[in-house]
């Protein structure tokens, strides 16, 4: 696929960088971007030269303003066959288990939470603001909050969902409620995101992918079932990861590995 709404590149340290590239419309997504992002997740999954991902956005005003309401997304006539754009945008919906580091600057609203909700690590710059505009425009805020609740809990999710455009979560508040894990100066944001992803990429991908999958899938299972599934993944992934560690000559007695 030839990309027109995103940029895609892979660096020598096994990090793929996906850049949302519609800054003229605040990186709002249309069907074309959704299809390109879905293709990019598939590309990441199948490429052995990629072990981690940075998701970022061009421009200074916004990370993403959600769905581009000026461009019809295009849905089938049969309402029961309508698609959720989030399935295209979300790595876990696309069975991509390689760790994703998301770097947010500027405005992040509405459908942009699809990206945040399924990223593994989210960082932002001090100018980042987070809000969900749905109810302000008479729209039910029903999909993005499901994933958001898993990150920040019920109380914070309800406040964001019901406040609409009246309240914006600042970078400081986002850090406090664990929506992000780090606030980085704007001019260092992309570099820091890459540093985090590159550090993850240096570890055996069989171990990091198994970790991501076990943790995310546990959210959909009762406690005991999640533990049993996790045990299966350790039995599958550990021999592969340990073999790679041995091949690299890593000293497992190093106290930093404990």
Protein backbone atom coordinates (compact mmCIF):
# COMPACT_ATOMS: atom_id res chain seq x y z
CA UNK A 1 0.00 0.00 0.00
CA UNK A 2 1.22 3.49 -0.84
CA UNK A 3 0.66 5.66 2.22
CA UNK A 4 -0.78 9.15 1.80
CA UNK A 5 -2.02 9.89 5.34
CA UNK A 6 0.74 8.34 7.45
CA UNK A 7 4.50 7.96 7.31
CA UNK A 8 6.16 4.62 8.01
CA UNK A 9 9.82 3.94 8.60
CA UNK A 10 11.97 1.29 10.25
CA UNK A 11 15.32 2.12 11.88
CA UNK A 12 18.35 -0.10 12.31
CA UNK A 13 17.52 -0.59 16.02
CA UNK A 14 14.35 -2.50 15.06
CA UNK A 15 11.92 0.31 15.83
CA UNK A 16 9.10 1.08 13.40
CA UNK A 17 7.79 4.65 13.50
CA UNK A 18 4.24 5.39 12.40
CA UNK A 19 3.51 9.10 12.02
CA UNK A 20 -0.04 10.37 11.56
CA UNK A 21 0.42 12.86 8.76
CA UNK A 22 -2.67 15.00 8.25
CA UNK A 23 -1.67 18.06 10.31
CA UNK A 24 -3.82 20.34 8.13
CA UNK A 25 -6.92 18.68 9.68
CA UNK A 26 -5.38 18.12 13.12
CA UNK A 27 -4.51 14.53 12.12
CA UNK A 28 -8.18 13.57 12.13
CA UNK A 29 -8.67 10.15 10.60
CA UNK A 30 -10.77 9.31 7.57
CA UNK A 31 -11.34 5.90 6.01
CA UNK A 32 -8.09 6.17 4.06
CA UNK A 33 -6.04 6.76 7.21
CA UNK A 34 -7.84 3.93 8.99
CA UNK A 35 -6.98 1.53 6.18
CA UNK A 36 -3.38 2.70 6.10
CA UNK A 37 -2.96 2.36 9.86
CA UNK A 38 -4.46 -1.13 9.75
CA UNK A 39 -2.02 -2.03 6.98
CA UNK A 40 0.86 -0.62 9.04
CA UNK A 41 -0.07 -2.77 12.06
CA UNK A 42 -0.09 -5.82 9.79
CA UNK A 43 3.27 -4.80 8.40
CA UNK A 44 4.71 -4.44 11.91
CA UNK A 45 3.39 -7.85 12.90
CA UNK A 46 4.94 -9.65 9.94
CA UNK A 47 8.32 -7.91 9.86
CA UNK A 48 11.10 -9.66 11.83
CA UNK A 49 13.14 -6.44 11.53
CA UNK A 50 10.62 -4.71 13.85
CA UNK A 51 10.49 -5.39 17.58
CA UNK A 52 8.81 -2.21 18.89
CA UNK A 53 6.80 0.72 17.55
CA UNK A 54 6.63 4.48 18.07
CA UNK A 55 3.27 6.05 17.23
CA UNK A 56 3.41 9.82 16.84
CA UNK A 57 1.79 12.66 14.87
CA UNK A 58 2.98 15.47 12.63
CA UNK A 59 2.40 19.14 13.47
CA UNK A 60 2.26 21.03 16.76
CA UNK A 61 -1.44 21.72 17.23
CA UNK A 62 -2.76 18.21 17.68
CA UNK A 63 -1.89 14.57 18.04
CA UNK A 64 -5.31 13.62 16.68
CA UNK A 65 -8.74 15.27 16.62
CA UNK A 66 -10.61 11.99 16.15
CA UNK A 67 -12.81 11.19 13.17
CA UNK A 68 -12.70 13.65 10.28
CA UNK A 69 -16.35 14.74 10.25
CA UNK A 70 -15.93 16.65 6.98
CA UNK A 71 -15.06 13.51 5.05
CA UNK A 72 -17.68 10.73 4.99
CA UNK A 73 -16.25 7.57 6.50
CA UNK A 74 -18.58 5.49 4.36
CA UNK A 75 -20.72 2.80 5.93
CA UNK A 76 -22.85 0.08 4.29
CA UNK A 77 -26.59 0.72 3.99
CA UNK A 78 -27.32 -2.12 6.40
CA UNK A 79 -26.85 -0.58 9.85
CA UNK A 80 -25.99 -3.97 11.35
CA UNK A 81 -22.89 -4.13 9.15
CA UNK A 82 -21.50 -0.76 10.19
CA UNK A 83 -17.82 -0.79 11.19
CA UNK A 84 -16.09 0.77 14.16
CA UNK A 85 -13.07 2.79 12.95
CA UNK A 86 -11.33 1.80 16.16
CA UNK A 87 -10.89 -1.74 14.91
CA UNK A 88 -8.67 -0.39 12.14
CA UNK A 89 -6.66 1.91 14.39
CA UNK A 90 -6.10 -0.34 17.41
CA UNK A 91 -3.04 -2.62 17.36
CA UNK A 92 -4.59 -5.22 19.62
CA UNK A 93 -7.70 -5.50 17.44
CA UNK A 94 -5.26 -6.19 14.60
CA UNK A 95 -3.44 -8.90 16.61
CA UNK A 96 -0.26 -6.83 16.82
CA UNK A 97 1.54 -7.70 20.04
CA UNK A 98 4.77 -5.81 19.46
CA UNK A 99 5.11 -3.09 22.11
CA UNK A 100 3.77 0.35 21.13
CA UNK A 101 5.04 3.63 22.57
CA UNK A 102 2.69 6.54 21.86
CA UNK A 103 3.97 10.15 21.91
CA UNK A 104 1.28 12.83 22.28
CA UNK A 105 1.54 16.56 21.72
CA UNK A 106 -1.19 19.18 21.48
CA UNK A 107 -4.85 18.27 21.29
CA UNK A 108 -5.95 14.67 21.76
CA UNK A 109 -9.68 14.20 21.58
CA UNK A 110 -12.55 11.80 20.85
CA UNK A 111 -11.46 9.00 18.49
CA UNK A 112 -7.82 9.74 19.27
CA UNK A 113 -8.34 7.66 22.40
CA UNK A 114 -8.44 4.59 20.17
CA UNK A 115 -4.68 5.05 19.77
CA UNK A 116 -4.00 5.75 23.44
CA UNK A 117 -6.24 3.01 24.78
CA UNK A 118 -4.26 0.24 23.12
CA UNK A 119 -0.77 1.68 23.31
CA UNK A 120 1.49 -0.02 25.84
CA UNK A 121 3.30 3.13 26.97
CA UNK A 122 2.00 6.69 26.51
CA UNK A 123 4.10 9.80 27.03
CA UNK A 124 3.27 13.40 26.23
CA UNK A 125 4.63 16.94 26.06
CA UNK A 126 3.53 19.70 28.48
CA UNK A 127 1.21 21.22 25.86
CA UNK A 128 -0.83 18.03 25.49
CA UNK A 129 -4.51 18.21 26.40
CA UNK A 130 -6.95 15.31 26.53
CA UNK A 131 -10.74 15.52 26.27
CA UNK A 132 -13.68 13.79 24.60
CA UNK A 133 -15.98 16.08 22.65
CA UNK A 134 -18.79 13.61 21.84
CA UNK A 135 -21.50 14.72 24.26
CA UNK A 136 -20.95 18.41 23.45
CA UNK A 137 -22.19 17.67 19.94
CA UNK A 138 -25.05 15.44 21.04
CA UNK A 139 -23.22 12.17 20.43
CA UNK A 140 -23.18 9.21 22.80
CA UNK A 141 -19.68 8.66 24.17
CA UNK A 142 -19.80 4.87 24.29
CA UNK A 143 -16.77 3.29 22.63
CA UNK A 144 -13.60 5.18 23.56
CA UNK A 145 -14.46 5.13 27.30
CA UNK A 146 -14.42 1.33 27.36
CA UNK A 147 -10.69 1.26 26.72
CA UNK A 148 -10.03 4.44 28.68
CA UNK A 149 -11.60 2.93 31.81
CA UNK A 150 -8.92 0.26 31.80
CA UNK A 151 -6.23 2.93 31.93
CA UNK A 152 -7.60 5.51 34.35
CA UNK A 153 -10.56 3.93 36.13
CA UNK A 154 -14.30 4.62 36.23
CA UNK A 155 -14.36 7.98 37.99
CA UNK A 156 -11.84 9.71 35.72
CA UNK A 157 -13.38 8.16 32.61
CA UNK A 158 -16.87 9.39 33.52
CA UNK A 159 -15.58 12.89 34.17
CA UNK A 160 -13.82 13.02 30.80
CA UNK A 161 -16.75 11.47 28.92
CA UNK A 162 -19.43 13.72 30.46
CA UNK A 163 -17.46 16.98 30.46
CA UNK A 164 -17.13 17.13 26.68
CA UNK A 165 -15.42 20.34 25.57
CA UNK A 166 -15.82 22.01 28.97
CA UNK A 167 -12.80 20.38 30.59
CA UNK A 168 -9.43 19.45 29.23
CA UNK A 169 -7.09 17.10 31.05
CA UNK A 170 -3.67 18.74 31.22
CA UNK A 171 -0.40 16.88 30.88
CA UNK A 172 0.09 17.22 34.64
CA UNK A 173 -3.31 15.69 35.37
CA UNK A 174 -2.79 12.99 32.74
CA UNK A 175 0.37 11.97 34.59
CA UNK A 176 -1.43 11.97 37.94
CA UNK A 177 -4.26 9.71 36.72
CA UNK A 178 -1.84 7.41 34.82
CA UNK A 179 -3.16 8.27 31.37
CA UNK A 180 0.52 8.93 30.55
CA UNK A 181 3.64 7.73 32.35
CA UNK A 182 5.99 10.61 31.54
CA UNK A 183 5.85 14.28 30.50
CA UNK A 184 8.71 15.34 28.23
CA UNK A 185 9.62 18.74 26.74
CA UNK A 186 8.13 19.08 23.27
CA UNK A 187 11.50 19.24 21.52
CA UNK A 188 12.53 15.98 23.20
CA UNK A 189 9.24 14.07 22.84
CA UNK A 190 9.98 12.07 19.71
CA UNK A 191 13.55 11.34 20.78
CA UNK A 192 12.39 10.09 24.16
CA UNK A 193 9.68 7.91 22.63
CA UNK A 194 12.28 6.34 20.35
CA UNK A 195 14.66 5.77 23.27
CA UNK A 196 11.97 3.86 25.16
CA UNK A 197 11.01 1.79 22.12
CA UNK A 198 14.64 1.06 21.23
CA UNK A 199 15.36 -0.16 24.77
CA UNK A 200 12.40 -2.53 24.50
CA UNK A 201 13.47 -3.64 21.03
CA UNK A 202 16.86 -4.74 22.38
CA UNK A 203 15.14 -7.43 24.43
CA UNK A 204 14.07 -10.77 22.90
CA UNK A 205 10.89 -10.11 20.94
CA UNK A 206 9.46 -13.50 21.90
CA UNK A 207 9.57 -12.30 25.52
CA UNK A 208 8.22 -8.79 24.93
CA UNK A 209 5.41 -9.89 22.61
CA UNK A 210 4.40 -12.67 25.00
CA UNK A 211 4.37 -10.18 27.86
CA UNK A 212 2.19 -7.71 25.95
CA UNK A 213 -0.24 -10.41 24.86
CA UNK A 214 -0.51 -12.03 28.29
CA UNK A 215 -1.20 -8.73 30.05
CA UNK A 216 -3.73 -7.38 27.55
CA UNK A 217 -5.61 -10.65 27.19
CA UNK A 218 -5.84 -10.93 30.98
CA UNK A 219 -8.19 -7.92 30.91
CA UNK A 220 -10.79 -10.04 29.12
CA UNK A 221 -10.57 -13.02 31.49
CA UNK A 222 -11.39 -13.84 35.09
CA UNK A 223 -8.35 -13.90 37.37
CA UNK A 224 -7.79 -17.66 37.44
CA UNK A 225 -8.30 -18.06 33.69
CA UNK A 226 -5.86 -15.21 33.07
CA UNK A 227 -3.24 -16.89 35.26
CA UNK A 228 -3.65 -20.17 33.42
CA UNK A 229 -3.38 -18.45 30.04
CA UNK A 230 -0.28 -16.58 31.23
CA UNK A 231 1.34 -19.86 32.24
CA UNK A 232 0.81 -21.20 28.72
CA UNK A 233 2.52 -18.13 27.28
CA UNK A 234 5.53 -18.53 29.57
CA UNK A 235 5.92 -22.13 28.40
CA UNK A 236 5.75 -21.01 24.77
CA UNK A 237 7.87 -17.88 24.95
CA UNK A 238 10.47 -18.58 27.63
CA UNK A 239 12.50 -21.20 25.73
CA UNK A 240 12.70 -18.89 22.69
CA UNK A 241 13.63 -15.82 24.70
CA UNK A 242 16.19 -17.62 26.83
CA UNK A 243 17.79 -19.12 23.73
CA UNK A 244 18.16 -15.63 22.27
CA UNK A 245 19.66 -14.34 25.50
CA UNK A 246 22.15 -17.21 25.53
CA UNK A 247 23.06 -16.58 21.90
CA UNK A 248 23.80 -12.95 22.71
CA UNK A 249 26.00 -13.99 25.59
CA UNK A 250 24.05 -12.04 28.23
CA UNK A 251 25.26 -12.72 31.77
CA UNK A 252 22.17 -13.91 33.63
CA UNK A 253 23.96 -13.47 36.98
CA UNK A 254 24.02 -9.71 36.38
CA UNK A 255 22.10 -8.24 39.38
CA UNK A 256 20.33 -5.83 37.02
CA UNK A 257 18.48 -8.82 35.55
CA UNK A 258 17.00 -9.83 38.89
